[in-house]
Amino acid sequence: MERLKSILASGTYTVVIIDEGNVAVRYGLVTLEDLLDLIRLKPDDVELVITGRDADPELIERADLVTEMKEIKHYYRKGVSARVGIEK
């Protein structure tokens, strides 16, 4: 979290992505408060993207934009295994 705070404050990046951040909260790897702190600390000129299913309602309330994706069609159903760097 300290590294992410530093990245947000650095002025180097205009987009910061916390991939599967919501899942990390669900499994106790980070706290909800950790993510909410990052949102509070985010400069206005930085886009902070937090991905993952089952976002906490408090995070949803605090976010500026919330989207939900659902599977319509997936090649896994045709027998294609998870690919390194994509699904695993």
C-alpha atoms as a PDB file:
ATOM      1  CA  MET A   1       0.000   0.000   0.000  1.00  0.00           C
ATOM      2  CA  GLU A   2       2.832   2.374   0.730  1.00  0.00           C
ATOM      3  CA  ARG A   3       4.222   1.788  -2.771  1.00  0.00           C
ATOM      4  CA  LEU A   4       0.809   2.506  -4.301  1.00  0.00           C
ATOM      5  CA  LYS A   5       0.517   5.702  -2.268  1.00  0.00           C
ATOM      6  CA  SER A   6       3.925   6.746  -3.517  1.00  0.00           C
ATOM      7  CA  ILE A   7       2.973   5.975  -7.115  1.00  0.00           C
ATOM      8  CA  LEU A   8      -0.230   8.004  -6.841  1.00  0.00           C
ATOM      9  CA  ALA A   9       1.600  10.976  -5.359  1.00  0.00           C
ATOM     10  CA  SER A  10       4.565  10.851  -7.753  1.00  0.00           C
ATOM     11  CA  GLY A  11       2.971  12.750 -10.623  1.00  0.00           C
ATOM     12  CA  THR A  12       4.556  10.222 -12.982  1.00  0.00           C
ATOM     13  CA  TYR A  13       1.407   8.307 -13.913  1.00  0.00           C
ATOM     14  CA  THR A  14      -1.973   9.490 -15.155  1.00  0.00           C
ATOM     15  CA  VAL A  15      -3.560   6.034 -14.866  1.00  0.00           C
ATOM     16  CA  VAL A  16      -2.990   3.600 -11.992  1.00  0.00           C
ATOM     17  CA  ILE A  17      -4.635   0.170 -12.142  1.00  0.00           C
ATOM     18  CA  ILE A  18      -5.067  -2.004  -9.079  1.00  0.00           C
ATOM     19  CA  ASP A  19      -5.901  -5.266 -10.792  1.00  0.00           C
ATOM     20  CA  GLU A  20      -8.254  -7.494  -8.775  1.00  0.00           C
ATOM     21  CA  GLY A  21      -8.191  -5.063  -5.847  1.00  0.00           C
ATOM     22  CA  ASN A  22     -11.742  -5.984  -4.880  1.00  0.00           C
ATOM     23  CA  VAL A  23     -10.837  -9.664  -4.794  1.00  0.00           C
ATOM     24  CA  ALA A  24      -7.816  -8.837  -2.616  1.00  0.00           C
ATOM     25  CA  VAL A  25     -10.194  -7.212  -0.125  1.00  0.00           C
ATOM     26  CA  ARG A  26     -12.535 -10.217  -0.199  1.00  0.00           C
ATOM     27  CA  TYR A  27      -9.657 -12.583   0.632  1.00  0.00           C
ATOM     28  CA  GLY A  28      -8.180 -10.338   3.315  1.00  0.00           C
ATOM     29  CA  LEU A  29      -4.979  -9.495   1.439  1.00  0.00           C
ATOM     30  CA  VAL A  30      -5.729  -5.786   1.801  1.00  0.00           C
ATOM     31  CA  THR A  31      -8.419  -3.999   3.760  1.00  0.00           C
ATOM     32  CA  LEU A  32     -11.338  -2.053   2.414  1.00  0.00           C
ATOM     33  CA  GLU A  33      -9.949   0.934   4.273  1.00  0.00           C
ATOM     34  CA  ASP A  34      -6.671   0.541   2.321  1.00  0.00           C
ATOM     35  CA  LEU A  35      -8.521   0.964  -0.982  1.00  0.00           C
ATOM     36  CA  LEU A  36     -10.661   3.801   0.351  1.00  0.00           C
ATOM     37  CA  ASP A  37      -7.479   5.565   1.497  1.00  0.00           C
ATOM     38  CA  LEU A  38      -6.048   5.285  -2.013  1.00  0.00           C
ATOM     39  CA  ILE A  39      -9.194   6.865  -3.423  1.00  0.00           C
ATOM     40  CA  ARG A  40      -8.926   9.709  -0.893  1.00  0.00           C
ATOM     41  CA  LEU A  41      -5.254  10.271  -1.721  1.00  0.00           C
ATOM     42  CA  LYS A  42      -5.688  10.154  -5.505  1.00  0.00           C
ATOM     43  CA  PRO A  43      -4.830  13.455  -7.191  1.00  0.00           C
ATOM     44  CA  ASP A  44      -7.571  14.884  -9.420  1.00  0.00           C
ATOM     45  CA  ASP A  45      -5.469  14.374 -12.555  1.00  0.00           C
ATOM     46  CA  VAL A  46      -4.936  10.639 -11.954  1.00  0.00           C
ATOM     47  CA  GLU A  47      -7.362   7.923 -13.014  1.00  0.00           C
ATOM     48  CA  LEU A  48      -7.456   5.134 -10.413  1.00  0.00           C
ATOM     49  CA  VAL A  49      -8.912   1.860 -11.673  1.00  0.00           C
ATOM     50  CA  ILE A  50      -9.724  -0.916  -9.204  1.00  0.00           C
ATOM     51  CA  THR A  51     -10.840  -4.162 -10.830  1.00  0.00           C
ATOM     52  CA  GLY A  52     -12.369  -7.357  -9.497  1.00  0.00           C
ATOM     53  CA  ARG A  53     -15.723  -8.820  -8.634  1.00  0.00           C
ATOM     54  CA  ASP A  54     -17.878  -8.121  -5.612  1.00  0.00           C
ATOM     55  CA  ALA A  55     -16.813  -4.579  -4.816  1.00  0.00           C
ATOM     56  CA  ASP A  56     -17.839  -3.532  -1.331  1.00  0.00           C
ATOM     57  CA  PRO A  57     -20.873  -1.222  -1.289  1.00  0.00           C
ATOM     58  CA  GLU A  58     -18.808   1.458   0.470  1.00  0.00           C
ATOM     59  CA  LEU A  59     -16.234   1.380  -2.326  1.00  0.00           C
ATOM     60  CA  ILE A  60     -19.009   1.571  -4.914  1.00  0.00           C
ATOM     61  CA  GLU A  61     -20.455   4.605  -3.126  1.00  0.00           C
ATOM     62  CA  ARG A  62     -17.075   6.360  -3.050  1.00  0.00           C
ATOM     63  CA  ALA A  63     -16.117   5.584  -6.664  1.00  0.00           C
ATOM     64  CA  ASP A  64     -16.819   8.003  -9.510  1.00  0.00           C
ATOM     65  CA  LEU A  65     -17.514   5.227 -12.022  1.00  0.00           C
ATOM     66  CA  VAL A  66     -18.567   1.622 -11.458  1.00  0.00           C
ATOM     67  CA  THR A  67     -19.058  -0.974 -14.172  1.00  0.00           C
ATOM     68  CA  GLU A  68     -19.892  -4.649 -14.084  1.00  0.00           C
ATOM     69  CA  MET A  69     -18.780  -7.213 -16.628  1.00  0.00           C
ATOM     70  CA  LYS A  70     -20.380 -10.581 -17.132  1.00  0.00           C
ATOM     71  CA  GLU A  71     -19.462 -13.474 -19.358  1.00  0.00           C
ATOM     72  CA  ILE A  72     -21.508 -13.775 -22.498  1.00  0.00           C
ATOM     73  CA  LYS A  73     -19.202 -16.111 -24.398  1.00  0.00           C
ATOM     74  CA  HIS A  74     -15.854 -17.590 -23.382  1.00  0.00           C
ATOM     75  CA  TYR A  75     -13.486 -19.876 -25.266  1.00  0.00           C
ATOM     76  CA  TYR A  76     -13.002 -21.892 -22.061  1.00  0.00           C
ATOM     77  CA  ARG A  77     -16.369 -23.491 -22.816  1.00  0.00           C
ATOM     78  CA  LYS A  78     -14.846 -24.860 -26.044  1.00  0.00           C
ATOM     79  CA  GLY A  79     -12.023 -26.536 -24.101  1.00  0.00           C
ATOM     80  CA  VAL A  80      -9.355 -23.822 -24.338  1.00  0.00           C
ATOM     81  CA  SER A  81      -7.314 -23.916 -21.119  1.00  0.00           C
ATOM     82  CA  ALA A  82      -6.369 -20.865 -19.086  1.00  0.00           C
ATOM     83  CA  ARG A  83      -3.464 -19.086 -20.742  1.00  0.00           C
ATOM     84  CA  VAL A  84      -0.385 -17.911 -18.859  1.00  0.00           C
ATOM     85  CA  GLY A  85      -0.430 -14.141 -18.539  1.00  0.00           C
ATOM     86  CA  ILE A  86      -4.113 -13.883 -19.406  1.00  0.00           C
ATOM     87  CA  GLU A  87      -6.249 -16.006 -17.082  1.00  0.00           C
ATOM     88  CA  LYS A  88      -3.533 -17.366 -14.821  1.00  0.00           C
END
